[in-house]
Amino acid sequence: MDLSFITNFFNDVILFIQYIIDFVFVGLYLILTDLIVFLTKHLMLLVFNLAIILVTFIWDVGNGLMNELNLSQELSDAYGGFDSEILYYLTVLRVPECINNLLTGLATHFILSLIPGR
C-alpha cells in the first residue's frame, strides 16, 4: 500500500501555511508600504496645491491692503520733503525699495498670521 498521498497532503498543507505566513509577514508589509507611499505622495501634492492657492490669495490681499493704505503715495510725499542731495543718496542706497520691501513683508506676515492652522 502506497502512503505517499499522506506525505503529499501534509507537504501541501505545510506549503499552504508557508504561503499564508509569507503573505502576512512579507506581502502585507509590501502592500502597506506601497499604500503609505501613495498616500504620502498625494498628501504632499495636496499641500503644495493648497500652498499655491494660498500664496495667490495672500498676494491679492497684500496688494489690496497696500493699495488701500496708499502707502506708496505717502512715501512719495515723504521723500519729496528731502532736499536733492539727501534724496540722491537715498536713491543710490536704494532706501525707497528697501522700505517698500519691508512694508510688503510686514503686510504678508500679518496676513499669513491670520490663516488658521499655520
N, C-alpha and C. Protein backbone atom coordinates (compact mmCIF):
# COMPACT_ATOMS: atom_id res chain seq x y z
N MET A 1 0.83 -1.16 0.00
CA MET A 1 0.00 0.00 0.00
C MET A 1 0.89 1.24 0.00
N ASP A 2 0.55 2.14 -0.90
CA ASP A 2 1.36 3.35 -1.07
C ASP A 2 0.74 4.48 -0.24
N LEU A 3 1.51 4.98 0.72
CA LEU A 3 1.03 6.04 1.60
C LEU A 3 1.62 7.41 1.23
N SER A 4 2.08 7.56 0.02
CA SER A 4 2.68 8.83 -0.40
C SER A 4 1.66 9.95 -0.47
N PHE A 5 0.37 9.60 -0.63
CA PHE A 5 -0.66 10.66 -0.68
C PHE A 5 -0.74 11.40 0.66
N ILE A 6 -0.42 10.69 1.75
CA ILE A 6 -0.44 11.34 3.07
C ILE A 6 0.71 12.34 3.17
N THR A 7 1.88 11.94 2.73
CA THR A 7 3.02 12.87 2.77
C THR A 7 2.79 14.04 1.81
N ASN A 8 2.19 13.76 0.65
CA ASN A 8 1.87 14.85 -0.29
C ASN A 8 0.85 15.81 0.32
N PHE A 9 -0.13 15.25 1.02
CA PHE A 9 -1.13 16.09 1.66
C PHE A 9 -0.50 17.00 2.70
N PHE A 10 0.34 16.44 3.57
CA PHE A 10 0.98 17.26 4.60
C PHE A 10 1.97 18.25 4.00
N ASN A 11 2.64 17.87 2.92
CA ASN A 11 3.51 18.82 2.23
C ASN A 11 2.69 19.98 1.66
N ASP A 12 1.54 19.68 1.08
CA ASP A 12 0.68 20.74 0.56
C ASP A 12 0.15 21.64 1.67
N VAL A 13 -0.21 21.02 2.80
CA VAL A 13 -0.68 21.81 3.95
C VAL A 13 0.43 22.71 4.46
N ILE A 14 1.64 22.20 4.56
CA ILE A 14 2.77 22.99 5.04
C ILE A 14 3.09 24.11 4.05
N LEU A 15 3.03 23.83 2.75
CA LEU A 15 3.24 24.87 1.75
C LEU A 15 2.17 25.95 1.83
N PHE A 16 0.90 25.51 2.04
CA PHE A 16 -0.18 26.47 2.17
C PHE A 16 0.03 27.37 3.40
N ILE A 17 0.41 26.77 4.51
CA ILE A 17 0.69 27.55 5.72
C ILE A 17 1.87 28.48 5.49
N GLN A 18 2.89 28.01 4.76
CA GLN A 18 4.04 28.85 4.46
C GLN A 18 3.65 30.03 3.56
N TYR A 19 2.76 29.80 2.61
CA TYR A 19 2.26 30.89 1.76
C TYR A 19 1.50 31.94 2.60
N ILE A 20 0.70 31.46 3.53
CA ILE A 20 -0.04 32.37 4.40
C ILE A 20 0.92 33.18 5.26
N ILE A 21 1.92 32.52 5.83
CA ILE A 21 2.91 33.22 6.67
C ILE A 21 3.68 34.22 5.84
N ASP A 22 4.09 33.84 4.64
CA ASP A 22 4.81 34.77 3.76
C ASP A 22 3.93 35.97 3.41
N PHE A 23 2.65 35.71 3.14
CA PHE A 23 1.77 36.83 2.80
C PHE A 23 1.60 37.77 3.99
N VAL A 24 1.43 37.21 5.18
CA VAL A 24 1.21 38.04 6.37
C VAL A 24 2.46 38.85 6.70
N PHE A 25 3.62 38.22 6.67
CA PHE A 25 4.84 38.90 7.12
C PHE A 25 5.58 39.65 6.02
N VAL A 26 5.36 39.29 4.76
CA VAL A 26 6.04 39.97 3.66
C VAL A 26 5.05 40.71 2.78
N GLY A 27 4.01 40.04 2.35
CA GLY A 27 3.05 40.63 1.42
C GLY A 27 2.30 41.80 2.01
N LEU A 28 1.81 41.65 3.23
CA LEU A 28 1.10 42.75 3.86
C LEU A 28 2.02 43.94 4.10
N TYR A 29 3.27 43.66 4.47
CA TYR A 29 4.23 44.74 4.67
C TYR A 29 4.45 45.52 3.38
N LEU A 30 4.61 44.79 2.28
CA LEU A 30 4.80 45.47 0.99
C LEU A 30 3.55 46.25 0.58
N ILE A 31 2.38 45.68 0.80
CA ILE A 31 1.14 46.37 0.46
C ILE A 31 0.98 47.63 1.30
N LEU A 32 1.22 47.52 2.61
CA LEU A 32 1.09 48.69 3.48
C LEU A 32 2.15 49.74 3.16
N THR A 33 3.35 49.32 2.83
CA THR A 33 4.41 50.26 2.46
C THR A 33 4.02 51.02 1.20
N ASP A 34 3.54 50.31 0.19
CA ASP A 34 3.11 50.96 -1.04
C ASP A 34 1.93 51.90 -0.79
N LEU A 35 1.00 51.50 0.07
CA LEU A 35 -0.15 52.33 0.38
C LEU A 35 0.29 53.62 1.10
N ILE A 36 1.21 53.50 2.05
CA ILE A 36 1.68 54.68 2.78
C ILE A 36 2.44 55.61 1.86
N VAL A 37 3.25 55.07 0.96
CA VAL A 37 3.96 55.91 -0.01
C VAL A 37 2.97 56.63 -0.92
N PHE A 38 1.97 55.92 -1.38
CA PHE A 38 0.95 56.51 -2.25
C PHE A 38 0.20 57.64 -1.54
N LEU A 39 -0.24 57.37 -0.31
CA LEU A 39 -0.98 58.39 0.44
C LEU A 39 -0.10 59.59 0.77
N THR A 40 1.15 59.36 1.13
CA THR A 40 2.05 60.46 1.45
C THR A 40 2.32 61.32 0.23
N LYS A 41 2.52 60.68 -0.91
CA LYS A 41 2.76 61.43 -2.15
C LYS A 41 1.56 62.31 -2.50
N HIS A 42 0.37 61.75 -2.41
CA HIS A 42 -0.82 62.54 -2.75
C HIS A 42 -1.12 63.60 -1.70
N LEU A 43 -0.80 63.33 -0.45
CA LEU A 43 -0.96 64.35 0.58
C LEU A 43 -0.01 65.51 0.36
N MET A 44 1.22 65.23 -0.02
CA MET A 44 2.18 66.29 -0.30
C MET A 44 1.76 67.11 -1.52
N LEU A 45 1.23 66.45 -2.55
CA LEU A 45 0.72 67.19 -3.71
C LEU A 45 -0.44 68.08 -3.31
N LEU A 46 -1.31 67.59 -2.44
CA LEU A 46 -2.41 68.40 -1.97
C LEU A 46 -1.91 69.61 -1.18
N VAL A 47 -0.91 69.40 -0.34
CA VAL A 47 -0.36 70.51 0.45
C VAL A 47 0.27 71.55 -0.47
N PHE A 48 1.03 71.11 -1.48
CA PHE A 48 1.65 72.06 -2.40
C PHE A 48 0.60 72.83 -3.20
N ASN A 49 -0.44 72.15 -3.64
CA ASN A 49 -1.50 72.84 -4.39
C ASN A 49 -2.23 73.85 -3.50
N LEU A 50 -2.48 73.48 -2.25
CA LEU A 50 -3.11 74.42 -1.33
C LEU A 50 -2.19 75.60 -1.05
N ALA A 51 -0.88 75.35 -0.96
CA ALA A 51 0.07 76.44 -0.74
C ALA A 51 0.06 77.41 -1.91
N ILE A 52 -0.02 76.88 -3.12
CA ILE A 52 -0.07 77.75 -4.31
C ILE A 52 -1.35 78.60 -4.28
N ILE A 53 -2.46 77.98 -3.92
CA ILE A 53 -3.71 78.74 -3.84
C ILE A 53 -3.62 79.81 -2.76
N LEU A 54 -3.06 79.45 -1.60
CA LEU A 54 -2.94 80.42 -0.52
C LEU A 54 -2.00 81.56 -0.87
N VAL A 55 -0.92 81.26 -1.59
CA VAL A 55 0.02 82.32 -1.96
C VAL A 55 -0.64 83.31 -2.91
N THR A 56 -1.41 82.82 -3.87
CA THR A 56 -2.10 83.76 -4.76
C THR A 56 -3.14 84.57 -3.99
N PHE A 57 -3.81 83.94 -3.04
CA PHE A 57 -4.78 84.66 -2.21
C PHE A 57 -4.08 85.73 -1.38
N ILE A 58 -2.97 85.35 -0.76
CA ILE A 58 -2.23 86.30 0.07
C ILE A 58 -1.68 87.44 -0.77
N TRP A 59 -1.24 87.13 -1.98
CA TRP A 59 -0.73 88.18 -2.86
C TRP A 59 -1.82 89.19 -3.19
N ASP A 60 -3.01 88.70 -3.51
CA ASP A 60 -4.13 89.60 -3.81
C ASP A 60 -4.51 90.43 -2.60
N VAL A 61 -4.57 89.81 -1.43
CA VAL A 61 -4.93 90.54 -0.22
C VAL A 61 -3.84 91.56 0.12
N GLY A 62 -2.58 91.18 -0.02
CA GLY A 62 -1.48 92.10 0.26
C GLY A 62 -1.48 93.30 -0.68
N ASN A 63 -1.71 93.06 -1.96
CA ASN A 63 -1.78 94.17 -2.91
C ASN A 63 -2.97 95.08 -2.61
N GLY A 64 -4.10 94.47 -2.28
CA GLY A 64 -5.26 95.28 -1.92
C GLY A 64 -5.01 96.10 -0.67
N LEU A 65 -4.33 95.50 0.31
CA LEU A 65 -4.02 96.21 1.54
C LEU A 65 -3.07 97.37 1.28
N MET A 66 -2.05 97.13 0.47
CA MET A 66 -1.09 98.20 0.17
C MET A 66 -1.77 99.32 -0.63
N ASN A 67 -2.65 98.97 -1.55
CA ASN A 67 -3.37 100.00 -2.32
C ASN A 67 -4.36 100.75 -1.44
N GLU A 68 -5.01 100.03 -0.54
CA GLU A 68 -6.00 100.66 0.33
C GLU A 68 -5.34 101.63 1.32
N LEU A 69 -4.18 101.25 1.82
CA LEU A 69 -3.48 102.13 2.76
C LEU A 69 -2.79 103.30 2.06
N ASN A 70 -2.61 103.19 0.74
CA ASN A 70 -2.00 104.23 -0.06
C ASN A 70 -0.61 104.62 0.45
N LEU A 71 0.17 103.59 0.80
CA LEU A 71 1.50 103.84 1.36
C LEU A 71 2.48 104.37 0.34
N SER A 72 2.34 103.97 -0.91
CA SER A 72 3.30 104.45 -1.91
C SER A 72 3.19 105.95 -2.10
N GLN A 73 1.97 106.48 -2.07
CA GLN A 73 1.78 107.93 -2.19
C GLN A 73 2.33 108.64 -0.96
N GLU A 74 2.12 108.05 0.21
CA GLU A 74 2.64 108.65 1.45
C GLU A 74 4.16 108.67 1.45
N LEU A 75 4.77 107.58 0.97
CA LEU A 75 6.24 107.54 0.89
C LEU A 75 6.76 108.55 -0.13
N SER A 76 6.08 108.68 -1.25
CA SER A 76 6.50 109.66 -2.26
C SER A 76 6.41 111.08 -1.71
N ASP A 77 5.35 111.36 -0.96
CA ASP A 77 5.23 112.68 -0.34
C ASP A 77 6.32 112.91 0.70
N ALA A 78 6.66 111.85 1.45
CA ALA A 78 7.71 111.99 2.47
C ALA A 78 9.07 112.21 1.80
N TYR A 79 9.35 111.52 0.70
CA TYR A 79 10.63 111.71 0.01
C TYR A 79 10.68 113.06 -0.68
N GLY A 80 9.56 113.59 -1.03
CA GLY A 80 9.53 114.91 -1.68
C GLY A 80 9.97 116.02 -0.74
N GLY A 81 9.91 115.78 0.55
CA GLY A 81 10.31 116.78 1.51
C GLY A 81 11.81 116.90 1.70
N PHE A 82 12.57 115.91 1.22
CA PHE A 82 14.03 115.96 1.36
C PHE A 82 14.63 116.87 0.30
N ASP A 83 15.81 117.42 0.62
CA ASP A 83 16.50 118.20 -0.42
C ASP A 83 17.15 117.24 -1.41
N SER A 84 17.63 117.75 -2.51
CA SER A 84 18.08 116.93 -3.64
C SER A 84 19.30 116.08 -3.29
N GLU A 85 20.21 116.58 -2.45
CA GLU A 85 21.41 115.81 -2.13
C GLU A 85 21.06 114.58 -1.28
N ILE A 86 20.23 114.76 -0.28
CA ILE A 86 19.81 113.63 0.55
C ILE A 86 18.99 112.66 -0.28
N LEU A 87 18.14 113.16 -1.12
CA LEU A 87 17.33 112.31 -1.99
C LEU A 87 18.22 111.50 -2.94
N TYR A 88 19.33 112.11 -3.42
CA TYR A 88 20.27 111.40 -4.29
C TYR A 88 20.88 110.22 -3.54
N TYR A 89 21.36 110.46 -2.32
CA TYR A 89 21.99 109.38 -1.56
C TYR A 89 20.99 108.29 -1.16
N LEU A 90 19.79 108.69 -0.83
CA LEU A 90 18.76 107.68 -0.53
C LEU A 90 18.44 106.82 -1.75
N THR A 91 18.43 107.45 -2.91
CA THR A 91 18.15 106.71 -4.14
C THR A 91 19.32 105.79 -4.50
N VAL A 92 20.55 106.27 -4.32
CA VAL A 92 21.72 105.45 -4.62
C VAL A 92 21.75 104.23 -3.70
N LEU A 93 21.44 104.44 -2.45
CA LEU A 93 21.43 103.34 -1.49
C LEU A 93 20.16 102.49 -1.57
N ARG A 94 19.25 102.88 -2.45
CA ARG A 94 18.01 102.14 -2.71
C ARG A 94 17.15 102.01 -1.45
N VAL A 95 17.11 103.05 -0.68
CA VAL A 95 16.31 103.05 0.54
C VAL A 95 14.81 102.96 0.23
N PRO A 96 14.29 103.66 -0.80
CA PRO A 96 12.85 103.52 -1.07
C PRO A 96 12.43 102.08 -1.39
N GLU A 97 13.26 101.37 -2.15
CA GLU A 97 12.94 99.97 -2.46
C GLU A 97 13.01 99.11 -1.20
N CYS A 98 13.97 99.41 -0.34
CA CYS A 98 14.10 98.66 0.91
C CYS A 98 12.87 98.85 1.79
N ILE A 99 12.42 100.09 1.91
CA ILE A 99 11.23 100.37 2.74
C ILE A 99 10.00 99.70 2.13
N ASN A 100 9.89 99.74 0.82
CA ASN A 100 8.76 99.08 0.14
C ASN A 100 8.78 97.58 0.40
N ASN A 101 9.96 96.96 0.29
CA ASN A 101 10.06 95.51 0.56
C ASN A 101 9.74 95.19 2.01
N LEU A 102 10.21 96.02 2.93
CA LEU A 102 9.91 95.79 4.34
C LEU A 102 8.41 95.90 4.62
N LEU A 103 7.78 96.90 4.06
CA LEU A 103 6.34 97.05 4.28
C LEU A 103 5.54 95.91 3.65
N THR A 104 5.96 95.48 2.47
CA THR A 104 5.29 94.34 1.84
C THR A 104 5.48 93.07 2.67
N GLY A 105 6.69 92.89 3.19
CA GLY A 105 6.96 91.72 4.05
C GLY A 105 6.14 91.75 5.33
N LEU A 106 6.02 92.92 5.93
CA LEU A 106 5.21 93.03 7.15
C LEU A 106 3.74 92.77 6.86
N ALA A 107 3.25 93.29 5.75
CA ALA A 107 1.85 93.04 5.39
C ALA A 107 1.62 91.55 5.11
N THR A 108 2.56 90.92 4.42
CA THR A 108 2.44 89.49 4.13
C THR A 108 2.50 88.67 5.42
N HIS A 109 3.39 89.03 6.33
CA HIS A 109 3.48 88.34 7.61
C HIS A 109 2.18 88.48 8.40
N PHE A 110 1.61 89.67 8.38
CA PHE A 110 0.35 89.90 9.08
C PHE A 110 -0.76 89.05 8.49
N ILE A 111 -0.83 88.99 7.16
CA ILE A 111 -1.88 88.21 6.51
C ILE A 111 -1.68 86.72 6.75
N LEU A 112 -0.41 86.26 6.72
CA LEU A 112 -0.15 84.84 6.99
C LEU A 112 -0.51 84.46 8.41
N SER A 113 -0.37 85.40 9.34
CA SER A 113 -0.72 85.09 10.73
C SER A 113 -2.23 84.95 10.90
N LEU A 114 -3.02 85.45 9.97
CA LEU A 114 -4.47 85.33 10.06
C LEU A 114 -4.99 84.00 9.55
N ILE A 115 -4.16 83.26 8.82
CA ILE A 115 -4.60 81.97 8.26
C ILE A 115 -4.60 80.93 9.38
N PRO A 116 -5.72 80.27 9.59
CA PRO A 116 -5.77 79.27 10.67
C PRO A 116 -4.95 78.03 10.31
N GLY A 117 -4.41 77.40 11.33
CA GLY A 117 -3.63 76.19 11.14
C GLY A 117 -2.20 76.45 10.74
N ARG A 118 -1.76 77.64 10.80
CA ARG A 118 -0.37 77.96 10.44
C ARG A 118 0.43 78.20 11.67
